[in-house]
Protein backbone atom coordinates (compact mmCIF):
# COMPACT_ATOMS: atom_id res chain seq x y z
CA MET A 1 96.29 103.42 60.29
CA ALA A 2 92.53 102.89 60.37
CA ARG A 3 89.82 101.00 62.20
CA TYR A 4 86.05 100.67 61.96
CA HIS A 5 83.31 98.65 63.63
CA LEU A 6 81.27 95.89 62.06
CA LYS A 7 79.50 95.75 65.43
CA GLN A 8 79.83 98.26 68.24
CA ALA A 9 78.77 98.02 71.87
CA LYS A 10 75.57 99.84 72.69
CA PRO A 11 75.96 103.07 74.67
CA VAL A 12 75.56 102.39 78.37
CA LEU A 13 75.06 105.29 80.75
CA PRO A 14 77.45 105.30 83.72
CA ALA A 15 75.75 103.66 86.66
CA ASP A 16 74.98 105.76 89.71
CA ARG A 17 76.98 103.88 92.33
CA ARG A 18 75.95 105.98 95.30
CA ALA A 19 73.16 103.65 96.43
CA LEU A 20 75.51 100.64 96.23
CA GLU A 21 78.29 102.48 98.05
CA ASP A 22 75.94 103.67 100.78
CA ARG A 23 74.42 100.22 101.26
CA VAL A 24 77.80 98.52 101.54
CA ARG A 25 79.08 101.23 103.87
CA ALA A 26 76.10 100.75 106.15
CA ILE A 27 76.65 96.98 106.30
CA LEU A 28 80.38 97.36 107.03
CA ASP A 29 79.73 99.94 109.74
CA ASP A 30 77.04 97.74 111.29
CA ILE A 31 79.37 94.73 111.40
CA ALA A 32 82.27 96.83 112.71
CA THR A 33 80.19 98.03 115.64
CA GLY A 34 77.58 95.29 116.01
CA GLY A 35 79.96 92.34 115.82
CA ASP A 36 78.78 88.77 115.44
CA ASP A 37 75.11 89.61 115.93
CA ALA A 38 75.21 91.88 112.88
CA VAL A 39 76.95 89.20 110.82
CA ARG A 40 74.28 86.64 111.75
CA ARG A 41 71.53 89.08 110.83
CA TYR A 42 72.98 89.65 107.35
CA ALA A 43 73.65 85.94 106.91
CA ARG A 44 69.96 85.28 107.51
CA GLU A 45 68.92 88.12 105.20
CA PHE A 46 71.26 87.51 102.26
CA ASP A 47 72.28 83.84 102.52
CA ARG A 48 69.23 82.43 104.36
CA TRP A 49 71.77 80.84 106.70
CA THR A 50 70.38 80.18 110.17
CA ALA A 51 72.85 77.63 111.55
CA PRO A 52 74.50 78.75 114.81
CA ASP A 53 78.03 78.23 113.48
CA PHE A 54 79.82 79.47 110.38
CA ARG A 55 83.02 77.48 110.60
CA VAL A 56 82.98 74.19 108.70
CA THR A 57 83.94 71.23 110.90
CA PRO A 58 86.42 68.48 110.02
CA ASP A 59 83.54 65.98 110.01
CA GLN A 60 81.70 68.00 107.38
CA ILE A 61 84.81 68.12 105.23
CA ARG A 62 85.34 64.36 105.55
CA ARG A 63 81.74 63.66 104.54
CA VAL A 64 82.14 65.75 101.41
CA GLU A 65 85.46 64.07 100.58
CA ARG A 66 83.87 60.64 100.77
CA ALA A 67 80.85 61.62 98.69
CA LEU A 68 82.59 63.29 95.74
CA PRO A 69 83.54 61.14 92.73
CA GLU A 70 87.19 60.17 92.31
CA THR A 71 87.26 61.64 88.81
CA PHE A 72 86.55 65.09 90.22
CA LYS A 73 89.26 64.69 92.86
CA GLU A 74 91.77 63.58 90.24
CA ASP A 75 90.89 66.45 87.93
CA PHE A 76 91.16 68.89 90.79
CA ALA A 77 94.53 67.48 91.82
CA TRP A 78 95.86 68.00 88.29
CA CYS A 79 94.74 71.64 88.25
CA HIS A 80 96.06 72.20 91.77
CA ALA A 81 99.46 70.85 90.79
CA ARG A 82 99.70 73.05 87.69
CA VAL A 83 98.74 76.25 89.53
CA THR A 84 101.05 75.59 92.45
CA ASP A 85 103.92 74.62 90.16
CA PHE A 86 103.56 77.91 88.30
CA ALA A 87 103.25 79.84 91.57
CA LYS A 88 106.45 78.18 92.82
CA ALA A 89 108.23 79.19 89.61
CA GLN A 90 107.02 82.76 90.16
CA ARG A 91 108.23 82.64 93.75
CA ASP A 92 111.64 81.43 92.59
CA SER A 93 111.84 84.30 90.09
CA ILE A 94 112.03 86.88 92.89
CA GLY A 95 114.61 86.84 95.62
CA GLU A 96 116.38 88.48 98.50
CA PHE A 97 119.68 90.25 97.96
CA GLU A 98 122.14 92.71 99.42
CA THR A 99 124.48 95.01 97.56
CA GLU A 100 127.24 97.40 98.59
CA VAL A 101 126.34 100.48 96.55
CA GLU A 102 129.58 102.19 97.62
CA PRO A 103 132.15 101.41 100.32
CA GLY A 104 130.46 101.00 103.68
CA ILE A 105 126.85 101.32 102.44
CA VAL A 106 125.04 97.98 102.19
CA LEU A 107 121.42 97.91 101.04
CA GLY A 108 119.21 94.86 100.90
CA GLN A 109 115.84 93.39 100.04
CA LYS A 110 113.85 90.84 102.04
CA LEU A 111 110.75 88.88 101.09
CA ILE A 112 108.31 88.40 103.96
CA PRO A 113 105.04 86.50 103.46
CA VAL A 114 101.86 88.07 104.76
CA ALA A 115 100.89 86.48 108.08
CA ARG A 116 97.13 86.05 107.61
CA ALA A 117 95.09 85.90 104.40
CA GLY A 118 91.38 85.57 103.77
CA CYS A 119 90.22 84.09 100.46
CA TYR A 120 86.64 84.53 99.30
CA ILE A 121 85.06 82.15 96.78
CA PRO A 122 81.79 83.36 95.23
CA GLY A 123 78.82 81.05 94.95
CA GLY A 124 76.32 82.92 92.72
CA LYS A 125 75.23 81.64 89.34
CA TYR A 126 78.45 79.66 88.91
CA PRO A 127 80.34 78.32 91.95
CA LEU A 128 83.92 79.10 90.93
CA ILE A 129 85.62 75.99 92.29
CA SER A 130 88.96 76.87 90.72
CA ALA A 131 89.07 80.20 92.58
CA ALA A 132 90.10 78.22 95.67
CA ILE A 133 93.29 77.08 93.95
CA MET A 134 94.03 80.54 92.58
CA SER A 135 93.83 82.20 95.97
CA VAL A 136 94.31 79.69 98.79
CA ALA A 137 96.91 77.50 97.10
CA THR A 138 98.83 80.51 95.80
CA ALA A 139 98.87 82.04 99.29
CA LYS A 140 100.24 78.78 100.68
CA VAL A 141 103.02 78.69 98.07
CA ALA A 142 103.89 82.25 99.08
CA GLY A 143 104.34 81.08 102.66
CA VAL A 144 101.32 82.74 104.26
CA GLY A 145 101.09 81.48 107.81
CA HIS A 146 97.31 81.16 108.16
CA VAL A 147 94.68 81.15 105.42
CA ILE A 148 90.92 81.38 105.88
CA GLY A 149 88.63 80.29 103.06
CA ALA A 150 85.05 81.51 102.88
CA ALA A 151 82.17 80.77 100.53
CA PRO A 152 78.40 81.31 100.73
CA PRO A 153 75.98 78.48 101.40
CA ARG A 154 74.58 76.82 98.31
CA ASP A 155 71.61 75.44 100.24
CA ALA A 156 70.65 74.41 103.75
CA ASP A 157 73.58 71.97 103.84
CA GLY A 158 76.13 74.73 103.39
CA ILE A 159 78.87 75.37 100.85
CA TYR A 160 78.68 73.74 97.42
CA PRO A 161 80.44 70.39 98.04
CA GLN A 162 83.03 70.76 95.26
CA THR A 163 83.91 74.25 96.51
CA LEU A 164 84.28 73.01 100.07
CA TYR A 165 86.53 70.21 98.88
CA ALA A 166 88.56 72.67 96.80
CA LEU A 167 89.12 75.00 99.75
CA HIS A 168 90.28 72.14 101.94
CA ALA A 169 92.45 70.49 99.30
CA SER A 170 94.03 73.86 98.45
CA GLY A 171 95.25 74.17 102.04
CA ALA A 172 92.80 76.47 103.84
CA ASP A 173 93.48 76.36 107.58
CA GLU A 174 89.90 77.30 108.41
CA ILE A 175 86.78 77.31 106.21
CA TYR A 176 83.67 79.40 106.86
CA CYS A 177 80.22 79.15 105.34
CA ILE A 178 79.49 82.82 104.79
CA GLY A 179 78.97 85.00 101.75
CA GLY A 180 79.07 88.50 100.36
CA VAL A 181 79.85 91.69 102.22
CA GLN A 182 79.46 89.99 105.59
CA ALA A 183 82.17 87.47 104.67
CA LEU A 184 84.70 90.15 103.75
CA ALA A 185 83.82 92.25 106.78
CA SER A 186 84.22 89.24 109.06
CA MET A 187 87.67 88.53 107.64
CA ALA A 188 88.70 92.17 107.97
CA TYR A 189 87.34 92.81 111.46
CA GLY A 190 87.62 89.33 112.95
CA ARG A 191 84.04 88.17 113.41
CA VAL A 192 82.22 84.83 113.96
CA GLY A 193 85.39 83.08 115.16
CA MET A 194 87.81 84.46 112.58
CA THR A 195 90.95 86.34 113.48
CA PRO A 196 91.43 89.58 111.50
CA ARG A 197 93.18 89.15 108.17
CA ASP A 198 96.05 91.17 106.70
CA ILE A 199 94.85 90.72 103.12
CA ILE A 200 91.60 89.55 101.52
CA THR A 201 91.28 88.22 97.99
CA GLY A 202 88.74 86.81 95.60
CA PRO A 203 86.18 87.66 92.91
CA GLY A 204 82.54 88.43 93.44
CA ASN A 205 79.57 90.59 92.48
CA ALA A 206 79.33 94.38 92.65
CA PHE A 207 78.69 94.26 96.42
CA VAL A 208 81.81 92.17 97.01
CA ALA A 209 83.94 94.48 94.86
CA GLU A 210 82.61 97.56 96.64
CA ALA A 211 83.23 95.97 100.05
CA LYS A 212 86.84 95.30 99.09
CA ARG A 213 87.23 98.88 97.91
CA GLN A 214 85.92 100.28 101.18
CA LEU A 215 87.88 97.84 103.33
CA PHE A 216 91.18 98.64 101.58
CA GLY A 217 93.44 100.20 104.18
CA THR A 218 91.89 98.21 107.00
CA VAL A 219 93.21 95.21 105.07
CA GLY A 220 95.07 94.74 101.84
CA ILE A 221 93.21 93.51 98.77
CA ASP A 222 94.24 91.71 95.59
CA LEU A 223 92.52 94.01 93.09
CA LEU A 224 89.13 95.46 92.19
CA ALA A 225 87.54 93.37 89.47
CA GLY A 226 84.45 94.20 87.46
CA PRO A 227 82.58 92.13 84.88
CA THR A 228 84.87 89.67 83.11
CA GLU A 229 86.17 90.52 79.62
CA ILE A 230 87.58 88.78 76.57
CA MET A 231 89.24 90.12 73.46
CA VAL A 232 90.30 87.98 70.50
CA ILE A 233 92.79 89.24 67.93
CA ALA A 234 92.42 87.13 64.79
CA ASP A 235 93.30 87.23 61.10
CA GLU A 236 92.17 85.29 58.04
CA THR A 237 94.19 82.23 59.14
CA ALA A 238 91.95 81.69 62.18
CA ASP A 239 88.79 79.57 62.38
CA PRO A 240 85.67 81.79 62.63
CA ALA A 241 83.65 79.10 64.40
CA LEU A 242 86.35 78.62 67.04
CA VAL A 243 86.68 82.36 67.64
CA ALA A 244 82.90 82.68 67.98
CA THR A 245 82.90 79.83 70.50
CA ASP A 246 85.57 81.51 72.61
CA LEU A 247 83.78 84.87 72.59
CA LEU A 248 80.50 83.31 73.69
CA GLY A 249 82.27 81.09 76.20
CA GLN A 250 83.34 84.12 78.18
CA ALA A 251 80.12 86.07 77.57
CA GLU A 252 78.14 83.45 79.51
CA HIS A 253 79.60 84.83 82.75
CA GLY A 254 76.92 87.51 82.79
CA PRO A 255 74.86 89.91 80.69
CA ASP A 256 77.38 92.67 81.40
CA SER A 257 80.48 90.75 80.20
CA PRO A 258 82.16 92.42 77.20
CA ALA A 259 83.42 90.29 74.30
CA TRP A 260 85.52 91.96 71.61
CA LEU A 261 86.98 90.79 68.31
CA VAL A 262 89.75 92.69 66.57
CA THR A 263 90.56 91.44 63.08
CA THR A 264 92.60 92.47 60.06
CA SER A 265 89.98 90.92 57.74
CA ARG A 266 86.47 92.27 57.17
CA ASP A 267 85.45 88.97 55.62
CA PHE A 268 86.63 87.12 58.73
CA GLY A 269 84.73 89.50 61.00
CA GLU A 270 81.52 88.94 59.06
CA LYS A 271 81.97 85.18 59.29
CA VAL A 272 82.39 85.41 63.06
CA LEU A 273 79.21 87.48 63.34
CA ALA A 274 77.34 84.81 61.39
CA GLU A 275 78.82 82.04 63.55
CA ILE A 276 77.83 83.77 66.77
CA ALA A 277 74.23 84.08 65.55
CA LEU A 278 74.25 80.42 64.57
CA GLN A 279 75.78 79.16 67.83
CA LEU A 280 73.39 81.21 69.97
CA GLU A 281 70.52 79.16 68.54
CA THR A 282 71.68 76.08 70.47
CA LEU A 283 73.97 77.41 73.24
CA PRO A 284 72.58 76.29 76.63
CA THR A 285 73.47 79.63 78.22
CA ALA A 286 72.32 81.73 75.25
CA ALA A 287 69.99 83.84 77.39
CA VAL A 288 72.99 85.24 79.25
CA ALA A 289 75.69 85.09 76.58
CA GLY A 290 73.37 86.46 73.90
CA LYS A 291 72.46 89.47 76.03
CA ALA A 292 76.12 90.19 76.76
CA TRP A 293 76.96 89.96 73.05
CA GLU A 294 74.00 92.11 72.04
CA VAL A 295 74.89 94.95 74.39
CA PHE A 296 78.65 94.69 74.89
CA GLY A 297 79.94 92.72 71.90
CA GLU A 298 82.16 94.42 69.33
CA VAL A 299 83.84 93.51 66.05
CA ILE A 300 86.58 95.94 65.06
CA VAL A 301 88.28 95.75 61.66
CA VAL A 302 91.79 97.21 61.40
CA ASP A 303 94.19 97.66 58.50
CA SER A 304 97.33 96.19 60.10
CA ASP A 305 98.75 94.09 62.92
CA GLU A 306 100.18 97.29 64.42
CA GLU A 307 96.71 98.83 64.60
CA ALA A 308 95.28 95.61 66.08
CA ALA A 309 97.89 95.76 68.83
CA ALA A 310 97.16 99.43 69.40
CA VAL A 311 93.42 98.76 69.79
CA SER A 312 94.13 95.93 72.21
CA ASP A 313 96.44 98.07 74.34
CA GLU A 314 93.76 100.78 74.50
CA TYR A 315 91.13 98.32 75.72
CA ALA A 316 93.59 96.51 78.06
CA PRO A 317 91.39 93.38 78.17
CA GLU A 318 91.33 91.00 81.10
CA HIS A 319 91.68 87.95 78.83
CA LEU A 320 93.37 88.31 75.46
CA GLU A 321 93.44 85.52 72.87
CA VAL A 322 95.64 85.82 69.79
CA GLN A 323 94.93 83.56 66.81
CA THR A 324 97.01 84.84 63.91
CA ALA A 325 99.91 83.99 61.63
CA ARG A 326 102.11 86.26 63.77
CA ASP A 327 101.43 85.14 67.34
CA ASP A 328 105.04 85.56 68.45
CA TRP A 329 105.09 89.12 67.10
CA TYR A 330 102.03 89.91 69.21
CA LEU A 331 103.63 88.34 72.28
CA GLN A 332 106.54 90.77 71.96
CA ARG A 333 104.41 93.80 71.02
CA LEU A 334 101.37 93.71 73.32
CA THR A 335 101.68 95.51 76.67
CA ASN A 336 98.25 95.89 78.31
CA TYR A 337 96.30 92.78 79.33
CA GLY A 338 95.58 90.52 82.28
CA SER A 339 96.53 87.16 80.76
CA LEU A 340 97.49 86.24 77.20
CA PHE A 341 96.43 83.08 75.34
CA LEU A 342 98.53 82.44 72.22
CA GLY A 343 97.29 80.28 69.37
CA GLU A 344 94.03 78.43 68.83
CA GLN A 345 95.26 75.59 71.03
CA SER A 346 94.91 77.73 74.18
CA THR A 347 91.73 79.27 75.50
CA VAL A 348 90.49 81.36 78.42
CA ALA A 349 88.78 78.35 80.01
CA TYR A 350 92.17 76.66 80.45
CA GLY A 351 93.50 79.64 82.39
CA ASP A 352 90.28 80.02 84.36
CA LYS A 353 90.18 76.43 85.57
CA GLY A 354 93.74 75.34 86.19
CA VAL A 355 96.34 75.23 83.42
CA GLY A 356 98.65 77.06 85.82
CA THR A 357 98.32 80.83 85.41
CA ASN A 358 96.10 82.71 87.84
CA HIS A 359 92.58 83.69 86.84
CA THR A 360 92.10 86.66 89.18
CA LEU A 361 92.88 89.41 86.68
CA PRO A 362 92.46 93.17 86.12
CA THR A 363 89.33 94.41 84.35
CA GLY A 364 88.02 97.81 83.30
CA ARG A 365 91.32 98.81 81.62
CA ALA A 366 93.25 98.23 84.85
CA GLY A 367 95.64 96.09 82.80
CA ARG A 368 97.29 99.39 81.85
CA TYR A 369 98.89 99.59 85.30
CA THR A 370 98.64 96.25 87.10
CA GLY A 371 98.77 92.53 86.57
CA GLY A 372 96.59 89.95 88.25
CA LEU A 373 96.84 87.96 91.46
CA TRP A 374 100.13 86.12 91.79
CA VAL A 375 102.30 84.64 94.49
CA GLY A 376 104.04 87.99 94.99
CA LYS A 377 100.78 89.59 96.10
CA PHE A 378 101.04 87.61 99.33
CA ILE A 379 104.69 88.59 99.85
CA LYS A 380 105.92 91.92 101.19
CA THR A 381 109.07 93.15 99.46
CA VAL A 382 110.85 95.15 102.15
CA THR A 383 114.23 96.87 102.23
CA TRP A 384 117.02 97.39 104.75
CA GLN A 385 120.27 99.30 105.08
CA ARG A 386 123.51 99.03 107.05
CA LEU A 387 126.36 101.59 107.09
CA THR A 388 129.83 101.72 108.57
CA ASP A 389 130.84 104.62 110.81
CA GLU A 390 132.96 106.13 108.04
CA ALA A 391 130.21 105.81 105.42
CA SER A 392 127.60 107.37 107.72
CA ARG A 393 129.89 110.37 108.36
CA ARG A 394 130.69 110.66 104.66
CA ILE A 395 127.09 110.97 103.51
CA ALA A 396 125.77 112.92 106.53
CA PRO A 397 126.50 116.36 105.01
CA ILE A 398 124.75 115.40 101.74
CA MET A 399 121.66 114.16 103.52
CA GLY A 400 121.69 117.08 105.94
CA ARG A 401 121.73 119.62 103.11
CA ILE A 402 118.82 117.90 101.36
CA CYS A 403 116.85 117.98 104.63
CA HIS A 404 117.69 121.65 105.08
CA GLU A 405 116.46 122.53 101.58
CA GLU A 406 113.17 120.83 102.42
CA GLY A 407 112.88 122.79 105.65
CA MET A 408 112.98 119.59 107.71
CA LEU A 409 115.40 120.81 110.36
CA ALA A 410 114.85 117.96 112.82
CA HIS A 411 115.71 115.56 110.01
CA GLU A 412 118.82 117.62 109.30
CA LYS A 413 119.87 117.27 112.91
CA THR A 414 119.78 113.45 112.73
CA ALA A 415 122.43 113.68 110.00
CA ASP A 416 124.47 116.38 111.76
CA VAL A 417 124.81 114.41 115.01
CA ARG A 418 126.15 111.43 113.04
CA PHE A 419 128.69 113.60 111.28
CA ALA A 420 129.99 114.61 114.70
CA ARG A 421 129.55 111.21 116.32
CA TYR A 422 131.70 109.38 113.77
CA ALA A 423 134.49 111.94 113.49
CA PRO A 424 137.98 110.40 113.55
CA LYS A 425 139.15 109.96 117.16
CA ASN A 426 142.85 110.67 116.72
CA VAL A 427 142.78 113.85 114.65
């Protein structure tokens, strides 16, 4: 099998993350010890937010609801329904059970929703309205008891109106106008009126990702996400213009967003390169998408479908589109990706905005070992056991010997006392 590049990403030296890590650590430590005053200081510095309160009031929510067009509300309701329907189907796919593995030994599994979740919605270049559905609504389907939503202020009036509406309509119990590291720290430590969360979720910039990494352990997190990625696997049956459109569509996220094409046809790859150059001439976000394509774009030509699948599994892309004559074969063969989009009729934008699957997905090859955010992330899968007297006595010598071999003599004693305790009474 063989592969070669028509276009290869430019070499990028690994970033020195120490300054970022140190800066985030200092902010988290300051908020942990300095409390609300520290949060307010960072809100003024980073968000230019000077209002005395962070929590959004019911009156503010009602004003936004009245002001937004009905078409937006209807569109949002459609997306909300699709995502929650899929999350409910996921929830129904897992279940509690008990099984008697041998006479007198009953083992079981319980599903317990997390009690308190905090969902962060970034506001940066693009306010990701749909992120509210992906996190808040999914948490609610999971049965989370209390969900906080947080987003940075867009201007002096607070959160971007559509984002505020989305948080409320998705079921957030409380909504806070706060951004960045200070938002995550407030949810973790319980600041500015919040109660501490058990898990925090949501995308964001490098500071947000680093804050989640450092807060992990104090709270749970969904996953660590870097710049968004797209890979398209296509053959000569695909439309070069459509593939080019999809690659650039994802590249507009930021100048560090990789976009990769894997194709079994050199001629097709060359046509896509020409289409990308053509479309960048008129694309409204060409300044961003063009930079991402210039630095991180790749076109890889392979000699077979098997090699295409192998390349894809090595890259483990966050978003993976397949536009070939053998889409079903790829569905069965591919193993490493965040979310898969089969056929030209589907596209990453559908998954990002509300077709039903979640858009919080693994990046940076993390698709090799994890999937994305789903309803199960908000549910603890716990186990239990129950034994009869006779079964406990029967296995006590086995367990005791294992403990002894490990040198754990106090553990061994817990088995020994049960062997004696449950001895037959009339022997």
